[in-house]
Amino acid sequence: MGDFNVNLHADNKEITEFEDIMFSAGFFPVISTYTHEKPGCKQTCIDNIFTNDISESIASGTISDRISHHLPIFHVFNSLDVKNHTTPVKKKKVPTATLR
């Protein structure tokens, strides 16, 4: 999809219309916490990931990081049959304390 920069925590007509369009197309957001924080500004949820298969979702969220005002976001889904996968899967341990 695209990078919409729509604050899903805002309560207004434009957000409701955006969500209605996404829901009617079968897409649902997997990030529910704030993703953008800037000193002196209200926290917002402007970075998101949408999926059309919630049943395959395992985990999603943000990672605490001070590189940018935008927190890194992630979504883990079960769509890979590792037993039949011929390419090695790369893994990286992420400290649990950094996940929200």
N, C-alpha and C. Protein backbone atom coordinates (compact mmCIF):
# COMPACT_ATOMS: atom_id res chain seq x y z
N MET A 1 0.83 -1.18 0.00
CA MET A 1 0.00 0.00 0.00
C MET A 1 0.86 1.23 0.00
N GLY A 2 0.44 2.26 0.67
CA GLY A 2 1.20 3.50 0.67
C GLY A 2 1.46 4.00 2.06
N ASP A 3 2.07 5.13 2.14
CA ASP A 3 2.37 5.79 3.40
C ASP A 3 1.37 6.93 3.54
N PHE A 4 0.31 6.69 4.31
CA PHE A 4 -0.81 7.63 4.36
C PHE A 4 -0.60 8.81 5.30
N ASN A 5 0.19 8.63 6.36
CA ASN A 5 0.37 9.67 7.38
C ASN A 5 -0.96 10.20 7.89
N VAL A 6 -1.86 9.28 8.19
CA VAL A 6 -3.17 9.61 8.74
C VAL A 6 -3.14 9.22 10.21
N ASN A 7 -3.49 10.15 11.08
CA ASN A 7 -3.49 9.88 12.52
C ASN A 7 -4.73 9.09 12.89
N LEU A 8 -4.56 7.78 13.06
CA LEU A 8 -5.70 6.92 13.36
C LEU A 8 -6.26 7.14 14.76
N HIS A 9 -5.59 7.91 15.59
CA HIS A 9 -6.11 8.23 16.91
C HIS A 9 -6.98 9.48 16.90
N ALA A 10 -6.97 10.22 15.80
CA ALA A 10 -7.79 11.43 15.70
C ALA A 10 -9.26 11.03 15.59
N ASP A 11 -10.11 11.88 16.09
CA ASP A 11 -11.55 11.62 16.05
C ASP A 11 -12.21 12.70 15.20
N ASN A 12 -12.21 12.47 13.88
CA ASN A 12 -12.85 13.44 13.00
C ASN A 12 -13.41 12.74 11.77
N LYS A 13 -14.13 13.48 10.96
CA LYS A 13 -14.83 12.92 9.80
C LYS A 13 -13.85 12.29 8.80
N GLU A 14 -12.72 12.94 8.54
CA GLU A 14 -11.76 12.44 7.55
C GLU A 14 -11.20 11.08 7.97
N ILE A 15 -10.89 10.92 9.25
CA ILE A 15 -10.35 9.65 9.74
C ILE A 15 -11.42 8.56 9.65
N THR A 16 -12.63 8.91 10.04
CA THR A 16 -13.73 7.94 9.94
C THR A 16 -13.94 7.49 8.51
N GLU A 17 -13.90 8.42 7.56
CA GLU A 17 -14.06 8.08 6.14
C GLU A 17 -12.90 7.20 5.66
N PHE A 18 -11.68 7.53 6.06
CA PHE A 18 -10.51 6.74 5.69
C PHE A 18 -10.66 5.31 6.22
N GLU A 19 -11.01 5.19 7.49
CA GLU A 19 -11.18 3.86 8.09
C GLU A 19 -12.30 3.09 7.40
N ASP A 20 -13.39 3.75 7.08
CA ASP A 20 -14.51 3.09 6.38
C ASP A 20 -14.07 2.54 5.03
N ILE A 21 -13.26 3.31 4.31
CA ILE A 21 -12.76 2.87 3.00
C ILE A 21 -11.86 1.64 3.18
N MET A 22 -10.95 1.71 4.14
CA MET A 22 -10.04 0.59 4.37
C MET A 22 -10.80 -0.65 4.82
N PHE A 23 -11.72 -0.49 5.77
CA PHE A 23 -12.50 -1.63 6.27
C PHE A 23 -13.35 -2.24 5.17
N SER A 24 -13.97 -1.40 4.35
CA SER A 24 -14.83 -1.92 3.29
C SER A 24 -14.03 -2.68 2.23
N ALA A 25 -12.74 -2.36 2.11
CA ALA A 25 -11.87 -3.08 1.17
C ALA A 25 -11.24 -4.31 1.83
N GLY A 26 -11.56 -4.54 3.11
CA GLY A 26 -11.07 -5.72 3.81
C GLY A 26 -9.72 -5.55 4.47
N PHE A 27 -9.28 -4.30 4.67
CA PHE A 27 -7.99 -4.04 5.30
C PHE A 27 -8.18 -3.49 6.71
N PHE A 28 -7.34 -3.97 7.63
CA PHE A 28 -7.44 -3.59 9.02
C PHE A 28 -6.07 -3.18 9.54
N PRO A 29 -6.00 -2.11 10.38
CA PRO A 29 -4.71 -1.69 10.93
C PRO A 29 -4.25 -2.66 12.02
N VAL A 30 -2.95 -2.90 12.08
CA VAL A 30 -2.42 -3.79 13.11
C VAL A 30 -1.63 -3.05 14.19
N ILE A 31 -1.46 -1.75 14.04
CA ILE A 31 -0.78 -0.93 15.04
C ILE A 31 -1.84 -0.11 15.77
N SER A 32 -1.87 -0.22 17.10
CA SER A 32 -2.89 0.51 17.85
C SER A 32 -2.31 1.51 18.85
N THR A 33 -1.01 1.55 18.97
CA THR A 33 -0.36 2.47 19.89
C THR A 33 0.19 3.66 19.11
N TYR A 34 0.67 4.68 19.82
CA TYR A 34 1.22 5.84 19.11
C TYR A 34 2.51 5.46 18.39
N THR A 35 2.77 6.11 17.27
CA THR A 35 3.95 5.82 16.46
C THR A 35 4.82 7.06 16.24
N HIS A 36 4.33 8.20 16.68
CA HIS A 36 5.05 9.45 16.46
C HIS A 36 4.97 10.28 17.73
N GLU A 37 6.12 10.69 18.20
CA GLU A 37 6.16 11.54 19.39
C GLU A 37 7.21 12.61 19.19
N LYS A 38 6.82 13.82 19.45
CA LYS A 38 7.72 14.95 19.28
C LYS A 38 7.53 15.85 20.49
N PRO A 39 8.61 16.31 21.10
CA PRO A 39 8.47 17.18 22.27
C PRO A 39 7.55 18.37 21.97
N GLY A 40 6.61 18.58 22.87
CA GLY A 40 5.68 19.70 22.72
C GLY A 40 4.49 19.40 21.83
N CYS A 41 4.42 18.21 21.31
CA CYS A 41 3.31 17.82 20.42
C CYS A 41 2.58 16.61 21.00
N LYS A 42 1.34 16.46 20.58
CA LYS A 42 0.54 15.32 21.00
C LYS A 42 1.05 14.05 20.29
N GLN A 43 1.07 12.92 21.00
CA GLN A 43 1.45 11.65 20.39
C GLN A 43 0.39 11.25 19.37
N THR A 44 0.85 10.71 18.23
CA THR A 44 -0.09 10.33 17.17
C THR A 44 0.21 8.93 16.66
N CYS A 45 -0.73 8.38 15.94
CA CYS A 45 -0.57 7.07 15.31
C CYS A 45 -0.66 7.29 13.79
N ILE A 46 0.43 7.86 13.23
CA ILE A 46 0.41 8.20 11.79
C ILE A 46 1.15 7.17 10.94
N ASP A 47 1.83 6.24 11.57
CA ASP A 47 2.51 5.17 10.84
C ASP A 47 1.76 3.88 11.13
N ASN A 48 1.40 3.15 10.11
CA ASN A 48 0.62 1.95 10.34
C ASN A 48 0.89 0.89 9.29
N ILE A 49 0.44 -0.28 9.58
CA ILE A 49 0.50 -1.40 8.66
C ILE A 49 -0.93 -1.94 8.57
N PHE A 50 -1.41 -2.15 7.36
CA PHE A 50 -2.74 -2.70 7.17
C PHE A 50 -2.62 -4.11 6.61
N THR A 51 -3.50 -4.99 7.05
CA THR A 51 -3.52 -6.36 6.54
C THR A 51 -4.94 -6.74 6.16
N ASN A 52 -5.04 -7.67 5.23
CA ASN A 52 -6.36 -8.19 4.88
C ASN A 52 -6.53 -9.61 5.39
N ASP A 53 -5.62 -10.05 6.28
CA ASP A 53 -5.72 -11.38 6.86
C ASP A 53 -5.29 -11.34 8.32
N ILE A 54 -6.19 -10.89 9.18
CA ILE A 54 -5.91 -10.80 10.62
C ILE A 54 -5.62 -12.18 11.21
N SER A 55 -6.20 -13.23 10.65
CA SER A 55 -6.03 -14.56 11.21
C SER A 55 -4.57 -15.03 11.18
N GLU A 56 -3.77 -14.47 10.28
CA GLU A 56 -2.35 -14.85 10.19
C GLU A 56 -1.44 -13.94 11.02
N SER A 57 -2.01 -12.92 11.68
CA SER A 57 -1.21 -11.99 12.48
C SER A 57 -0.76 -12.66 13.77
N ILE A 58 0.51 -12.54 14.08
CA ILE A 58 1.06 -13.10 15.31
C ILE A 58 1.35 -11.98 16.31
N ALA A 59 2.01 -10.93 15.87
CA ALA A 59 2.36 -9.81 16.75
C ALA A 59 2.60 -8.57 15.92
N SER A 60 2.37 -7.42 16.53
CA SER A 60 2.68 -6.15 15.88
C SER A 60 2.86 -5.10 16.96
N GLY A 61 3.51 -4.01 16.61
CA GLY A 61 3.72 -2.95 17.58
C GLY A 61 4.80 -1.99 17.16
N THR A 62 5.34 -1.29 18.14
CA THR A 62 6.41 -0.33 17.90
C THR A 62 7.65 -0.76 18.68
N ILE A 63 8.78 -0.22 18.29
CA ILE A 63 10.04 -0.47 18.97
C ILE A 63 10.53 0.87 19.51
N SER A 64 10.83 0.92 20.81
CA SER A 64 11.33 2.15 21.42
C SER A 64 12.71 2.46 20.84
N ASP A 65 12.82 3.62 20.21
CA ASP A 65 14.05 4.00 19.56
C ASP A 65 14.09 5.51 19.49
N ARG A 66 15.22 6.10 19.67
CA ARG A 66 15.33 7.56 19.66
C ARG A 66 16.06 8.08 18.43
N ILE A 67 16.01 7.32 17.33
CA ILE A 67 16.65 7.76 16.09
C ILE A 67 15.84 8.88 15.45
N SER A 68 14.54 8.80 15.58
CA SER A 68 13.64 9.73 14.91
C SER A 68 12.43 9.97 15.81
N HIS A 69 11.60 10.92 15.42
CA HIS A 69 10.33 11.13 16.12
C HIS A 69 9.35 10.01 15.78
N HIS A 70 9.62 9.28 14.69
CA HIS A 70 8.78 8.16 14.29
C HIS A 70 9.36 6.87 14.88
N LEU A 71 8.53 6.13 15.61
CA LEU A 71 8.98 4.86 16.17
C LEU A 71 8.93 3.79 15.08
N PRO A 72 9.93 2.93 15.02
CA PRO A 72 9.86 1.82 14.07
C PRO A 72 8.65 0.93 14.39
N ILE A 73 7.97 0.47 13.36
CA ILE A 73 6.81 -0.40 13.55
C ILE A 73 7.10 -1.76 12.95
N PHE A 74 6.41 -2.79 13.45
CA PHE A 74 6.62 -4.13 12.93
C PHE A 74 5.32 -4.92 12.95
N HIS A 75 5.29 -5.93 12.11
CA HIS A 75 4.16 -6.87 12.07
C HIS A 75 4.72 -8.24 11.73
N VAL A 76 4.40 -9.21 12.55
CA VAL A 76 4.83 -10.58 12.32
C VAL A 76 3.59 -11.38 11.95
N PHE A 77 3.67 -12.09 10.84
CA PHE A 77 2.53 -12.88 10.42
C PHE A 77 2.99 -14.28 10.03
N ASN A 78 2.08 -15.21 10.10
CA ASN A 78 2.37 -16.61 9.84
C ASN A 78 1.99 -16.94 8.41
N SER A 79 2.92 -16.73 7.50
CA SER A 79 2.63 -17.07 6.11
C SER A 79 3.78 -17.84 5.47
N LEU A 80 4.72 -18.25 6.27
CA LEU A 80 5.90 -18.92 5.75
C LEU A 80 6.00 -20.31 6.35
N ASP A 81 6.01 -21.31 5.53
CA ASP A 81 6.19 -22.68 5.99
C ASP A 81 7.69 -22.93 6.06
N VAL A 82 8.26 -22.73 7.24
CA VAL A 82 9.71 -22.79 7.42
C VAL A 82 10.26 -24.16 7.05
N LYS A 83 9.51 -25.23 7.29
CA LYS A 83 10.00 -26.58 6.99
C LYS A 83 10.32 -26.75 5.51
N ASN A 84 9.58 -26.10 4.64
CA ASN A 84 9.78 -26.25 3.19
C ASN A 84 10.52 -25.07 2.58
N HIS A 85 11.05 -24.20 3.41
CA HIS A 85 11.73 -23.00 2.94
C HIS A 85 13.19 -23.34 2.66
N THR A 86 13.67 -23.07 1.46
CA THR A 86 15.02 -23.45 1.08
C THR A 86 16.06 -22.36 1.38
N THR A 87 15.64 -21.12 1.54
CA THR A 87 16.56 -20.02 1.86
C THR A 87 16.62 -19.86 3.37
N PRO A 88 17.82 -19.72 3.95
CA PRO A 88 17.91 -19.54 5.41
C PRO A 88 17.13 -18.30 5.86
N VAL A 89 16.43 -18.42 6.97
CA VAL A 89 15.69 -17.31 7.53
C VAL A 89 16.61 -16.59 8.50
N LYS A 90 16.79 -15.29 8.32
CA LYS A 90 17.65 -14.51 9.20
C LYS A 90 16.83 -14.05 10.40
N LYS A 91 17.41 -14.17 11.57
CA LYS A 91 16.74 -13.78 12.80
C LYS A 91 17.62 -12.81 13.56
N LYS A 92 16.97 -11.92 14.31
CA LYS A 92 17.68 -10.98 15.15
C LYS A 92 16.94 -10.88 16.46
N LYS A 93 17.66 -11.00 17.56
CA LYS A 93 17.02 -10.87 18.87
C LYS A 93 16.81 -9.39 19.17
N VAL A 94 15.61 -9.07 19.59
CA VAL A 94 15.27 -7.70 19.97
C VAL A 94 14.93 -7.73 21.45
N PRO A 95 15.57 -6.90 22.27
CA PRO A 95 15.25 -6.90 23.69
C PRO A 95 13.77 -6.64 23.93
N THR A 96 13.15 -7.45 24.74
CA THR A 96 11.72 -7.33 25.01
C THR A 96 11.36 -5.95 25.55
N ALA A 97 12.26 -5.33 26.30
CA ALA A 97 11.99 -4.02 26.89
C ALA A 97 11.78 -2.93 25.85
N THR A 98 12.25 -3.14 24.62
CA THR A 98 12.09 -2.11 23.59
C THR A 98 10.77 -2.23 22.84
N LEU A 99 10.03 -3.33 23.05
CA LEU A 99 8.77 -3.53 22.34
C LEU A 99 7.61 -2.98 23.15
N ARG A 100 6.61 -2.45 22.45
CA ARG A 100 5.40 -1.94 23.14
C ARG A 100 4.22 -2.71 22.68
